[in-house]
Amino acid sequence: MDVKRELKGLLHPYYLVNIFLCSSYLLAKFVPVLCNLFFAGDCELEMRQTEIVFFLLVIIMIRARKTGSMGLLAYLSNAFMYCKAANTVLWFISYKPYGIAFVVLLLRK
C-alpha cells in the first residue's frame, strides 16, 4: 500500500516538473532531434560532462546513505536538488545562453 501511494505521489506536478528539469540535459544530448536542435549534431557527452554526471551520482548515493532509511519521494526530493545543480553546470558548459534559460526555468518553477 505504501509503494502504491508513493508511486501515485509521483504524478504530482512538483515531481513531474522536477523529473523533466533533472533529465533535460541528458534528453537533449541523447534524443537525436533535440541534439540536432541544441548541439548541432554533437550528441555525445564530453569527458568533463561525463565526470559531472558521475560526480552527481556519487553525491546522491553518499547523501542517501548519510540520511539513512527514507521513502522514494523523500529520496527523489533530495536527488532533485543535486540534479538541477548539475544540469545548470552542464547547460552553462555547453552554451551560456542555454544555461541562463535553464536557470530562468528553475526560478519560474
PDB file of N, CA and C in Angstrom:
ATOM      1  N   MET A   1       0.812  -1.186   0.000  1.00  0.00           N
ATOM      2  CA  MET A   1       0.000   0.000   0.000  1.00  0.00           C
ATOM      3  C   MET A   1       0.863   1.261   0.000  1.00  0.00           C
ATOM      4  N   ASP A   2       1.963   1.236   0.742  1.00  0.00           N
ATOM      5  CA  ASP A   2       2.857   2.395   0.788  1.00  0.00           C
ATOM      6  C   ASP A   2       3.483   2.678  -0.578  1.00  0.00           C
ATOM      7  N   VAL A   3       3.893   1.619  -1.257  1.00  0.00           N
ATOM      8  CA  VAL A   3       4.530   1.777  -2.557  1.00  0.00           C
ATOM      9  C   VAL A   3       3.529   2.371  -3.549  1.00  0.00           C
ATOM     10  N   LYS A   4       2.309   1.897  -3.484  1.00  0.00           N
ATOM     11  CA  LYS A   4       1.275   2.415  -4.377  1.00  0.00           C
ATOM     12  C   LYS A   4       1.047   3.906  -4.143  1.00  0.00           C
ATOM     13  N   ARG A   5       1.020   4.308  -2.897  1.00  0.00           N
ATOM     14  CA  ARG A   5       0.805   5.716  -2.546  1.00  0.00           C
ATOM     15  C   ARG A   5       1.983   6.579  -3.017  1.00  0.00           C
ATOM     16  N   GLU A   6       3.209   6.055  -2.872  1.00  0.00           N
ATOM     17  CA  GLU A   6       4.377   6.815  -3.319  1.00  0.00           C
ATOM     18  C   GLU A   6       4.420   6.932  -4.833  1.00  0.00           C
ATOM     19  N   LEU A   7       4.054   5.865  -5.534  1.00  0.00           N
ATOM     20  CA  LEU A   7       4.026   5.939  -6.992  1.00  0.00           C
ATOM     21  C   LEU A   7       2.945   6.896  -7.472  1.00  0.00           C
ATOM     22  N   LYS A   8       1.831   6.921  -6.778  1.00  0.00           N
ATOM     23  CA  LYS A   8       0.776   7.866  -7.122  1.00  0.00           C
ATOM     24  C   LYS A   8       1.237   9.296  -6.841  1.00  0.00           C
ATOM     25  N   GLY A   9       2.052   9.472  -5.812  1.00  0.00           N
ATOM     26  CA  GLY A   9       2.588  10.786  -5.477  1.00  0.00           C
ATOM     27  C   GLY A   9       3.500  11.342  -6.567  1.00  0.00           C
ATOM     28  N   LEU A  10       4.093  10.442  -7.372  1.00  0.00           N
ATOM     29  CA  LEU A  10       4.952  10.886  -8.466  1.00  0.00           C
ATOM     30  C   LEU A  10       4.180  11.632  -9.553  1.00  0.00           C
ATOM     31  N   LEU A  11       2.873  11.491  -9.568  1.00  0.00           N
ATOM     32  CA  LEU A  11       2.062  12.182 -10.566  1.00  0.00           C
ATOM     33  C   LEU A  11       1.778  13.626 -10.188  1.00  0.00           C
ATOM     34  N   HIS A  12       2.223  14.032  -9.022  1.00  0.00           N
ATOM     35  CA  HIS A  12       2.049  15.421  -8.593  1.00  0.00           C
ATOM     36  C   HIS A  12       2.910  16.312  -9.500  1.00  0.00           C
ATOM     37  N   PRO A  13       2.417  17.484  -9.880  1.00  0.00           N
ATOM     38  CA  PRO A  13       3.186  18.367 -10.783  1.00  0.00           C
ATOM     39  C   PRO A  13       4.597  18.695 -10.288  1.00  0.00           C
ATOM     40  N   TYR A  14       4.783  18.797  -8.986  1.00  0.00           N
ATOM     41  CA  TYR A  14       6.115  19.075  -8.439  1.00  0.00           C
ATOM     42  C   TYR A  14       7.121  18.034  -8.918  1.00  0.00           C
ATOM     43  N   TYR A  15       6.762  16.769  -8.831  1.00  0.00           N
ATOM     44  CA  TYR A  15       7.674  15.699  -9.218  1.00  0.00           C
ATOM     45  C   TYR A  15       7.817  15.620 -10.737  1.00  0.00           C
ATOM     46  N   LEU A  16       6.738  15.821 -11.471  1.00  0.00           N
ATOM     47  CA  LEU A  16       6.812  15.757 -12.923  1.00  0.00           C
ATOM     48  C   LEU A  16       7.717  16.851 -13.486  1.00  0.00           C
ATOM     49  N   VAL A  17       7.561  18.069 -12.983  1.00  0.00           N
ATOM     50  CA  VAL A  17       8.401  19.174 -13.455  1.00  0.00           C
ATOM     51  C   VAL A  17       9.864  18.929 -13.073  1.00  0.00           C
ATOM     52  N   ASN A  18      10.101  18.454 -11.869  1.00  0.00           N
ATOM     53  CA  ASN A  18      11.475  18.196 -11.445  1.00  0.00           C
ATOM     54  C   ASN A  18      12.112  17.052 -12.225  1.00  0.00           C
ATOM     55  N   ILE A  19      11.345  16.025 -12.556  1.00  0.00           N
ATOM     56  CA  ILE A  19      11.880  14.934 -13.377  1.00  0.00           C
ATOM     57  C   ILE A  19      12.272  15.479 -14.746  1.00  0.00           C
ATOM     58  N   PHE A  20      11.426  16.341 -15.301  1.00  0.00           N
ATOM     59  CA  PHE A  20      11.749  16.950 -16.593  1.00  0.00           C
ATOM     60  C   PHE A  20      13.015  17.809 -16.496  1.00  0.00           C
ATOM     61  N   LEU A  21      13.088  18.662 -15.480  1.00  0.00           N
ATOM     62  CA  LEU A  21      14.257  19.538 -15.333  1.00  0.00           C
ATOM     63  C   LEU A  21      15.540  18.739 -15.092  1.00  0.00           C
ATOM     64  N   CYS A  22      15.428  17.681 -14.306  1.00  0.00           N
ATOM     65  CA  CYS A  22      16.616  16.894 -13.978  1.00  0.00           C
ATOM     66  C   CYS A  22      17.120  16.061 -15.156  1.00  0.00           C
ATOM     67  N   SER A  23      16.235  15.712 -16.046  1.00  0.00           N
ATOM     68  CA  SER A  23      16.655  14.898 -17.187  1.00  0.00           C
ATOM     69  C   SER A  23      16.814  15.729 -18.464  1.00  0.00           C
ATOM     70  N   SER A  24      16.642  17.030 -18.375  1.00  0.00           N
ATOM     71  CA  SER A  24      16.627  17.873 -19.577  1.00  0.00           C
ATOM     72  C   SER A  24      17.936  17.807 -20.367  1.00  0.00           C
ATOM     73  N   TYR A  25      19.065  17.882 -19.692  1.00  0.00           N
ATOM     74  CA  TYR A  25      20.332  17.906 -20.423  1.00  0.00           C
ATOM     75  C   TYR A  25      20.592  16.568 -21.112  1.00  0.00           C
ATOM     76  N   LEU A  26      20.402  15.479 -20.376  1.00  0.00           N
ATOM     77  CA  LEU A  26      20.668  14.169 -20.968  1.00  0.00           C
ATOM     78  C   LEU A  26      19.688  13.870 -22.093  1.00  0.00           C
ATOM     79  N   LEU A  27      18.427  14.279 -21.934  1.00  0.00           N
ATOM     80  CA  LEU A  27      17.464  14.107 -23.024  1.00  0.00           C
ATOM     81  C   LEU A  27      17.891  14.911 -24.245  1.00  0.00           C
ATOM     82  N   ALA A  28      18.327  16.147 -24.024  1.00  0.00           N
ATOM     83  CA  ALA A  28      18.755  16.995 -25.138  1.00  0.00           C
ATOM     84  C   ALA A  28      19.991  16.414 -25.832  1.00  0.00           C
ATOM     85  N   LYS A  29      20.841  15.738 -25.090  1.00  0.00           N
ATOM     86  CA  LYS A  29      22.051  15.163 -25.678  1.00  0.00           C
ATOM     87  C   LYS A  29      21.782  13.863 -26.430  1.00  0.00           C
ATOM     88  N   PHE A  30      20.844  13.040 -25.932  1.00  0.00           N
ATOM     89  CA  PHE A  30      20.687  11.693 -26.480  1.00  0.00           C
ATOM     90  C   PHE A  30      19.481  11.492 -27.384  1.00  0.00           C
ATOM     91  N   VAL A  31      18.555  12.425 -27.436  1.00  0.00           N
ATOM     92  CA  VAL A  31      17.443  12.338 -28.388  1.00  0.00           C
ATOM     93  C   VAL A  31      17.905  13.062 -29.649  1.00  0.00           C
ATOM     94  N   PRO A  32      18.009  12.349 -30.775  1.00  0.00           N
ATOM     95  CA  PRO A  32      18.612  12.936 -31.975  1.00  0.00           C
ATOM     96  C   PRO A  32      17.980  14.259 -32.435  1.00  0.00           C
ATOM     97  N   VAL A  33      16.677  14.366 -32.391  1.00  0.00           N
ATOM     98  CA  VAL A  33      16.020  15.600 -32.842  1.00  0.00           C
ATOM     99  C   VAL A  33      16.436  16.774 -31.943  1.00  0.00           C
ATOM    100  N   LEU A  34      16.415  16.569 -30.632  1.00  0.00           N
ATOM    101  CA  LEU A  34      16.803  17.621 -29.705  1.00  0.00           C
ATOM    102  C   LEU A  34      18.295  17.930 -29.806  1.00  0.00           C
ATOM    103  N   CYS A  35      19.077  16.884 -30.003  1.00  0.00           N
ATOM    104  CA  CYS A  35      20.523  17.080 -30.110  1.00  0.00           C
ATOM    105  C   CYS A  35      20.863  17.948 -31.319  1.00  0.00           C
ATOM    106  N   ASN A  36      20.230  17.667 -32.442  1.00  0.00           N
ATOM    107  CA  ASN A  36      20.478  18.489 -33.637  1.00  0.00           C
ATOM    108  C   ASN A  36      20.012  19.917 -33.426  1.00  0.00           C
ATOM    109  N   LEU A  37      18.945  20.097 -32.676  1.00  0.00           N
ATOM    110  CA  LEU A  37      18.413  21.425 -32.422  1.00  0.00           C
ATOM    111  C   LEU A  37      19.324  22.237 -31.481  1.00  0.00           C
ATOM    112  N   PHE A  38      19.752  21.614 -30.388  1.00  0.00           N
ATOM    113  CA  PHE A  38      20.523  22.331 -29.367  1.00  0.00           C
ATOM    114  C   PHE A  38      22.042  22.287 -29.580  1.00  0.00           C
ATOM    115  N   PHE A  39      22.553  21.167 -30.069  1.00  0.00           N
ATOM    116  CA  PHE A  39      24.007  20.974 -30.100  1.00  0.00           C
ATOM    117  C   PHE A  39      24.577  20.761 -31.500  1.00  0.00           C
ATOM    118  N   ALA A  40      23.795  20.981 -32.524  1.00  0.00           N
ATOM    119  CA  ALA A  40      24.228  20.857 -33.926  1.00  0.00           C
ATOM    120  C   ALA A  40      24.870  19.494 -34.216  1.00  0.00           C
ATOM    121  N   GLY A  41      24.272  18.439 -33.691  1.00  0.00           N
ATOM    122  CA  GLY A  41      24.722  17.089 -34.003  1.00  0.00           C
ATOM    123  C   GLY A  41      25.818  16.535 -33.114  1.00  0.00           C
ATOM    124  N   ASP A  42      26.330  17.292 -32.164  1.00  0.00           N
ATOM    125  CA  ASP A  42      27.349  16.792 -31.233  1.00  0.00           C
ATOM    126  C   ASP A  42      26.632  16.054 -30.102  1.00  0.00           C
ATOM    127  N   CYS A  43      26.295  14.789 -30.346  1.00  0.00           N
ATOM    128  CA  CYS A  43      25.375  14.055 -29.468  1.00  0.00           C
ATOM    129  C   CYS A  43      26.053  13.162 -28.439  1.00  0.00           C
ATOM    130  N   GLU A  44      27.317  13.307 -28.205  1.00  0.00           N
ATOM    131  CA  GLU A  44      27.995  12.504 -27.200  1.00  0.00           C
ATOM    132  C   GLU A  44      28.451  13.397 -26.057  1.00  0.00           C
ATOM    133  N   LEU A  45      28.472  12.807 -24.861  1.00  0.00           N
ATOM    134  CA  LEU A  45      28.982  13.552 -23.713  1.00  0.00           C
ATOM    135  C   LEU A  45      30.499  13.649 -23.795  1.00  0.00           C
ATOM    136  N   GLU A  46      31.010  14.828 -23.528  1.00  0.00           N
ATOM    137  CA  GLU A  46      32.457  15.001 -23.461  1.00  0.00           C
ATOM    138  C   GLU A  46      32.943  14.478 -22.115  1.00  0.00           C
ATOM    139  N   MET A  47      34.241  14.349 -21.979  1.00  0.00           N
ATOM    140  CA  MET A  47      34.814  13.794 -20.749  1.00  0.00           C
ATOM    141  C   MET A  47      34.412  14.602 -19.519  1.00  0.00           C
ATOM    142  N   ARG A  48      34.470  15.917 -19.614  1.00  0.00           N
ATOM    143  CA  ARG A  48      34.121  16.783 -18.473  1.00  0.00           C
ATOM    144  C   ARG A  48      32.655  16.603 -18.085  1.00  0.00           C
ATOM    145  N   GLN A  49      31.786  16.486 -19.076  1.00  0.00           N
ATOM    146  CA  GLN A  49      30.364  16.299 -18.811  1.00  0.00           C
ATOM    147  C   GLN A  49      30.110  14.945 -18.150  1.00  0.00           C
ATOM    148  N   THR A  50      30.812  13.922 -18.614  1.00  0.00           N
ATOM    149  CA  THR A  50      30.684  12.594 -18.004  1.00  0.00           C
ATOM    150  C   THR A  50      31.138  12.622 -16.551  1.00  0.00           C
ATOM    151  N   GLU A  51      32.215  13.337 -16.273  1.00  0.00           N
ATOM    152  CA  GLU A  51      32.700  13.454 -14.895  1.00  0.00           C
ATOM    153  C   GLU A  51      31.661  14.125 -14.001  1.00  0.00           C
ATOM    154  N   ILE A  52      31.006  15.148 -14.507  1.00  0.00           N
ATOM    155  CA  ILE A  52      29.981  15.844 -13.720  1.00  0.00           C
ATOM    156  C   ILE A  52      28.810  14.921 -13.432  1.00  0.00           C
ATOM    157  N   VAL A  53      28.388  14.136 -14.411  1.00  0.00           N
ATOM    158  CA  VAL A  53      27.266  13.206 -14.209  1.00  0.00           C
ATOM    159  C   VAL A  53      27.628  12.143 -13.174  1.00  0.00           C
ATOM    160  N   PHE A  54      28.836  11.587 -13.263  1.00  0.00           N
ATOM    161  CA  PHE A  54      29.252  10.583 -12.279  1.00  0.00           C
ATOM    162  C   PHE A  54      29.427  11.186 -10.890  1.00  0.00           C
ATOM    163  N   PHE A  55      29.944  12.400 -10.819  1.00  0.00           N
ATOM    164  CA  PHE A  55      30.057  13.081  -9.536  1.00  0.00           C
ATOM    165  C   PHE A  55      28.676  13.274  -8.923  1.00  0.00           C
ATOM    166  N   LEU A  56      27.703  13.633  -9.744  1.00  0.00           N
ATOM    167  CA  LEU A  56      26.324  13.775  -9.279  1.00  0.00           C
ATOM    168  C   LEU A  56      25.811  12.468  -8.691  1.00  0.00           C
ATOM    169  N   LEU A  57      26.039  11.359  -9.382  1.00  0.00           N
ATOM    170  CA  LEU A  57      25.574  10.064  -8.883  1.00  0.00           C
ATOM    171  C   LEU A  57      26.229   9.713  -7.549  1.00  0.00           C
ATOM    172  N   VAL A  58      27.509   9.968  -7.431  1.00  0.00           N
ATOM    173  CA  VAL A  58      28.218   9.668  -6.181  1.00  0.00           C
ATOM    174  C   VAL A  58      27.675  10.529  -5.040  1.00  0.00           C
ATOM    175  N   ILE A  59      27.461  11.809  -5.289  1.00  0.00           N
ATOM    176  CA  ILE A  59      26.944  12.705  -4.251  1.00  0.00           C
ATOM    177  C   ILE A  59      25.565  12.249  -3.793  1.00  0.00           C
ATOM    178  N   ILE A  60      24.708  11.886  -4.735  1.00  0.00           N
ATOM    179  CA  ILE A  60      23.362  11.432  -4.372  1.00  0.00           C
ATOM    180  C   ILE A  60      23.442  10.159  -3.541  1.00  0.00           C
ATOM    181  N   MET A  61      24.315   9.234  -3.923  1.00  0.00           N
ATOM    182  CA  MET A  61      24.434   7.989  -3.154  1.00  0.00           C
ATOM    183  C   MET A  61      24.969   8.253  -1.752  1.00  0.00           C
ATOM    184  N   ILE A  62      25.961   9.103  -1.636  1.00  0.00           N
ATOM    185  CA  ILE A  62      26.532   9.402  -0.314  1.00  0.00           C
ATOM    186  C   ILE A  62      25.506  10.096   0.567  1.00  0.00           C
ATOM    187  N   ARG A  63      24.797  11.070   0.018  1.00  0.00           N
ATOM    188  CA  ARG A  63      23.784  11.790   0.801  1.00  0.00           C
ATOM    189  C   ARG A  63      22.659  10.848   1.244  1.00  0.00           C
ATOM    190  N   ALA A  64      22.283   9.919   0.387  1.00  0.00           N
ATOM    191  CA  ALA A  64      21.220   8.977   0.736  1.00  0.00           C
ATOM    192  C   ALA A  64      21.677   8.043   1.861  1.00  0.00           C
ATOM    193  N   ARG A  65      22.914   7.612   1.815  1.00  0.00           N
ATOM    194  CA  ARG A  65      23.417   6.723   2.869  1.00  0.00           C
ATOM    195  C   ARG A  65      23.549   7.467   4.183  1.00  0.00           C
ATOM    196  N   LYS A  66      23.955   8.732   4.128  1.00  0.00           N
ATOM    197  CA  LYS A  66      24.102   9.539   5.329  1.00  0.00           C
ATOM    198  C   LYS A  66      22.763   9.782   6.002  1.00  0.00           C
ATOM    199  N   THR A  67      21.752  10.018   5.186  1.00  0.00           N
ATOM    200  CA  THR A  67      20.423  10.316   5.710  1.00  0.00           C
ATOM    201  C   THR A  67      19.776   9.083   6.318  1.00  0.00           C
ATOM    202  N   GLY A  68      20.123   7.930   5.799  1.00  0.00           N
ATOM    203  CA  GLY A  68      19.547   6.699   6.318  1.00  0.00           C
ATOM    204  C   GLY A  68      18.334   6.284   5.525  1.00  0.00           C
ATOM    205  N   SER A  69      17.482   5.532   6.154  1.00  0.00           N
ATOM    206  CA  SER A  69      16.291   4.999   5.505  1.00  0.00           C
ATOM    207  C   SER A  69      15.319   6.128   5.184  1.00  0.00           C
ATOM    208  N   MET A  70      14.918   6.205   3.942  1.00  0.00           N
ATOM    209  CA  MET A  70      13.947   7.214   3.535  1.00  0.00           C
ATOM    210  C   MET A  70      13.091   6.653   2.411  1.00  0.00           C
ATOM    211  N   GLY A  71      11.915   7.211   2.261  1.00  0.00           N
ATOM    212  CA  GLY A  71      10.994   6.760   1.232  1.00  0.00           C
ATOM    213  C   GLY A  71      11.398   7.257  -0.145  1.00  0.00           C
ATOM    214  N   LEU A  72      10.704   6.759  -1.137  1.00  0.00           N
ATOM    215  CA  LEU A  72      11.008   7.105  -2.517  1.00  0.00           C
ATOM    216  C   LEU A  72      10.864   8.598  -2.769  1.00  0.00           C
ATOM    217  N   LEU A  73       9.788   9.196  -2.303  1.00  0.00           N
ATOM    218  CA  LEU A  73       9.547  10.606  -2.566  1.00  0.00           C
ATOM    219  C   LEU A  73      10.561  11.498  -1.858  1.00  0.00           C
ATOM    220  N   ALA A  74      10.941  11.140  -0.650  1.00  0.00           N
ATOM    221  CA  ALA A  74      11.965  11.912   0.067  1.00  0.00           C
ATOM    222  C   ALA A  74      13.319  11.778  -0.620  1.00  0.00           C
ATOM    223  N   TYR A  75      13.616  10.572  -1.090  1.00  0.00           N
ATOM    224  CA  TYR A  75      14.867  10.342  -1.811  1.00  0.00           C
ATOM    225  C   TYR A  75      14.904  11.173  -3.097  1.00  0.00           C
ATOM    226  N   LEU A  76      13.802  11.169  -3.831  1.00  0.00           N
ATOM    227  CA  LEU A  76      13.741  11.934  -5.080  1.00  0.00           C
ATOM    228  C   LEU A  76      13.852  13.434  -4.824  1.00  0.00           C
ATOM    229  N   SER A  77      13.191  13.915  -3.797  1.00  0.00           N
ATOM    230  CA  SER A  77      13.270  15.344  -3.486  1.00  0.00           C
ATOM    231  C   SER A  77      14.704  15.758  -3.191  1.00  0.00           C
ATOM    232  N   ASN A  78      15.418  14.915  -2.481  1.00  0.00           N
ATOM    233  CA  ASN A  78      16.819  15.177  -2.176  1.00  0.00           C
ATOM    234  C   ASN A  78      17.660  15.125  -3.453  1.00  0.00           C
ATOM    235  N   ALA A  79      17.398  14.150  -4.302  1.00  0.00           N
ATOM    236  CA  ALA A  79      18.171  13.987  -5.533  1.00  0.00           C
ATOM    237  C   ALA A  79      17.893  15.112  -6.531  1.00  0.00           C
ATOM    238  N   PHE A  80      16.668  15.621  -6.548  1.00  0.00           N
ATOM    239  CA  PHE A  80      16.310  16.681  -7.496  1.00  0.00           C
ATOM    240  C   PHE A  80      17.204  17.909  -7.320  1.00  0.00           C
ATOM    241  N   MET A  81      17.481  18.254  -6.091  1.00  0.00           N
ATOM    242  CA  MET A  81      18.287  19.443  -5.819  1.00  0.00           C
ATOM    243  C   MET A  81      19.680  19.311  -6.469  1.00  0.00           C
ATOM    244  N   TYR A  82      20.320  18.159  -6.291  1.00  0.00           N
ATOM    245  CA  TYR A  82      21.646  17.951  -6.846  1.00  0.00           C
ATOM    246  C   TYR A  82      21.601  17.820  -8.368  1.00  0.00           C
ATOM    247  N   CYS A  83      20.567  17.175  -8.877  1.00  0.00           N
ATOM    248  CA  CYS A  83      20.437  17.021 -10.331  1.00  0.00           C
ATOM    249  C   CYS A  83      20.264  18.369 -11.022  1.00  0.00           C
ATOM    250  N   LYS A  84      19.459  19.233 -10.431  1.00  0.00           N
ATOM    251  CA  LYS A  84      19.247  20.544 -11.041  1.00  0.00           C
ATOM    252  C   LYS A  84      20.525  21.378 -10.992  1.00  0.00           C
ATOM    253  N   ALA A  85      21.288  21.248  -9.930  1.00  0.00           N
ATOM    254  CA  ALA A  85      22.570  21.961  -9.853  1.00  0.00           C
ATOM    255  C   ALA A  85      23.538  21.443 -10.916  1.00  0.00           C
ATOM    256  N   ALA A  86      23.606  20.123 -11.078  1.00  0.00           N
ATOM    257  CA  ALA A  86      24.490  19.547 -12.094  1.00  0.00           C
ATOM    258  C   ALA A  86      24.027  19.923 -13.498  1.00  0.00           C
ATOM    259  N   ASN A  87      22.731  19.917 -13.729  1.00  0.00           N
ATOM    260  CA  ASN A  87      22.221  20.301 -15.046  1.00  0.00           C
ATOM    261  C   ASN A  87      22.521  21.761 -15.350  1.00  0.00           C
ATOM    262  N   THR A  88      22.454  22.605 -14.341  1.00  0.00           N
ATOM    263  CA  THR A  88      22.796  24.013 -14.548  1.00  0.00           C
ATOM    264  C   THR A  88      24.242  24.137 -15.015  1.00  0.00           C
ATOM    265  N   VAL A  89      25.136  23.429 -14.372  1.00  0.00           N
ATOM    266  CA  VAL A  89      26.549  23.459 -14.765  1.00  0.00           C
ATOM    267  C   VAL A  89      26.711  22.901 -16.183  1.00  0.00           C
ATOM    268  N   LEU A  90      26.040  21.796 -16.489  1.00  0.00           N
ATOM    269  CA  LEU A  90      26.163  21.195 -17.816  1.00  0.00           C
ATOM    270  C   LEU A  90      25.644  22.119 -18.913  1.00  0.00           C
ATOM    271  N   TRP A  91      24.509  22.774 -18.657  1.00  0.00           N
ATOM    272  CA  TRP A  91      23.975  23.693 -19.666  1.00  0.00           C
ATOM    273  C   TRP A  91      24.910  24.888 -19.852  1.00  0.00           C
ATOM    274  N   PHE A  92      25.471  25.402 -18.757  1.00  0.00           N
ATOM    275  CA  PHE A  92      26.397  26.532 -18.874  1.00  0.00           C
ATOM    276  C   PHE A  92      27.680  26.139 -19.604  1.00  0.00           C
ATOM    277  N   ILE A  93      28.165  24.933 -19.371  1.00  0.00           N
ATOM    278  CA  ILE A  93      29.375  24.472 -20.058  1.00  0.00           C
ATOM    279  C   ILE A  93      29.114  24.363 -21.562  1.00  0.00           C
ATOM    280  N   SER A  94      27.936  23.866 -21.918  1.00  0.00           N
ATOM    281  CA  SER A  94      27.625  23.681 -23.333  1.00  0.00           C
ATOM    282  C   SER A  94      27.467  24.999 -24.067  1.00  0.00           C
ATOM    283  N   TYR A  95      26.639  25.895 -23.488  1.00  0.00           N
ATOM    284  CA  TYR A  95      26.356  27.155 -24.163  1.00  0.00           C
ATOM    285  C   TYR A  95      25.706  28.069 -23.134  1.00  0.00           C
ATOM    286  N   LYS A  96      26.328  29.177 -22.850  1.00  0.00           N
ATOM    287  CA  LYS A  96      25.886  30.045 -21.751  1.00  0.00           C
ATOM    288  C   LYS A  96      24.428  30.515 -21.863  1.00  0.00           C
ATOM    289  N   PRO A  97      23.935  30.898 -23.047  1.00  0.00           N
ATOM    290  CA  PRO A  97      22.510  31.272 -23.112  1.00  0.00           C
ATOM    291  C   PRO A  97      21.556  30.131 -22.730  1.00  0.00           C
ATOM    292  N   TYR A  98      21.945  28.879 -23.046  1.00  0.00           N
ATOM    293  CA  TYR A  98      21.116  27.749 -22.608  1.00  0.00           C
ATOM    294  C   TYR A  98      21.148  27.621 -21.091  1.00  0.00           C
ATOM    295  N   GLY A  99      22.288  27.888 -20.493  1.00  0.00           N
ATOM    296  CA  GLY A  99      22.402  27.860 -19.035  1.00  0.00           C
ATOM    297  C   GLY A  99      21.533  28.918 -18.390  1.00  0.00           C
ATOM    298  N   ILE A 100      21.532  30.103 -18.982  1.00  0.00           N
ATOM    299  CA  ILE A 100      20.687  31.184 -18.448  1.00  0.00           C
ATOM    300  C   ILE A 100      19.207  30.819 -18.587  1.00  0.00           C
ATOM    301  N   ALA A 101      18.838  30.244 -19.739  1.00  0.00           N
ATOM    302  CA  ALA A 101      17.443  29.826 -19.945  1.00  0.00           C
ATOM    303  C   ALA A 101      17.046  28.752 -18.934  1.00  0.00           C
ATOM    304  N   PHE A 102      17.966  27.837 -18.640  1.00  0.00           N
ATOM    305  CA  PHE A 102      17.675  26.784 -17.663  1.00  0.00           C
ATOM    306  C   PHE A 102      17.475  27.372 -16.268  1.00  0.00           C
ATOM    307  N   VAL A 103      18.311  28.330 -15.899  1.00  0.00           N
ATOM    308  CA  VAL A 103      18.170  28.983 -14.590  1.00  0.00           C
ATOM    309  C   VAL A 103      16.837  29.718 -14.518  1.00  0.00           C
ATOM    310  N   VAL A 104      16.441  30.367 -15.608  1.00  0.00           N
ATOM    311  CA  VAL A 104      15.141  31.032 -15.631  1.00  0.00           C
ATOM    312  C   VAL A 104      14.014  30.016 -15.428  1.00  0.00           C
ATOM    313  N   LEU A 105      14.128  28.856 -16.080  1.00  0.00           N
ATOM    314  CA  LEU A 105      13.127  27.809 -15.877  1.00  0.00           C
ATOM    315  C   LEU A 105      13.097  27.346 -14.425  1.00  0.00           C
ATOM    316  N   LEU A 106      14.271  27.212 -13.817  1.00  0.00           N
ATOM    317  CA  LEU A 106      14.323  26.812 -12.410  1.00  0.00           C
ATOM    318  C   LEU A 106      13.640  27.834 -11.506  1.00  0.00           C
ATOM    319  N   LEU A 107      13.875  29.091 -11.789  1.00  0.00           N
ATOM    320  CA  LEU A 107      13.291  30.136 -10.946  1.00  0.00           C
ATOM    321  C   LEU A 107      11.790  30.284 -11.180  1.00  0.00           C
ATOM    322  N   ARG A 108      11.325  29.976 -12.384  1.00  0.00           N
ATOM    323  CA  ARG A 108       9.897  30.076 -12.678  1.00  0.00           C
ATOM    324  C   ARG A 108       9.103  28.931 -12.063  1.00  0.00           C
ATOM    325  N   LYS A 109       9.761  27.829 -11.812  1.00  0.00           N
ATOM    326  CA  LYS A 109       9.091  26.648 -11.262  1.00  0.00           C
ATOM    327  C   LYS A 109       8.593  26.992  -9.904  1.00  0.00           C
TER     328      LYS A 109
END
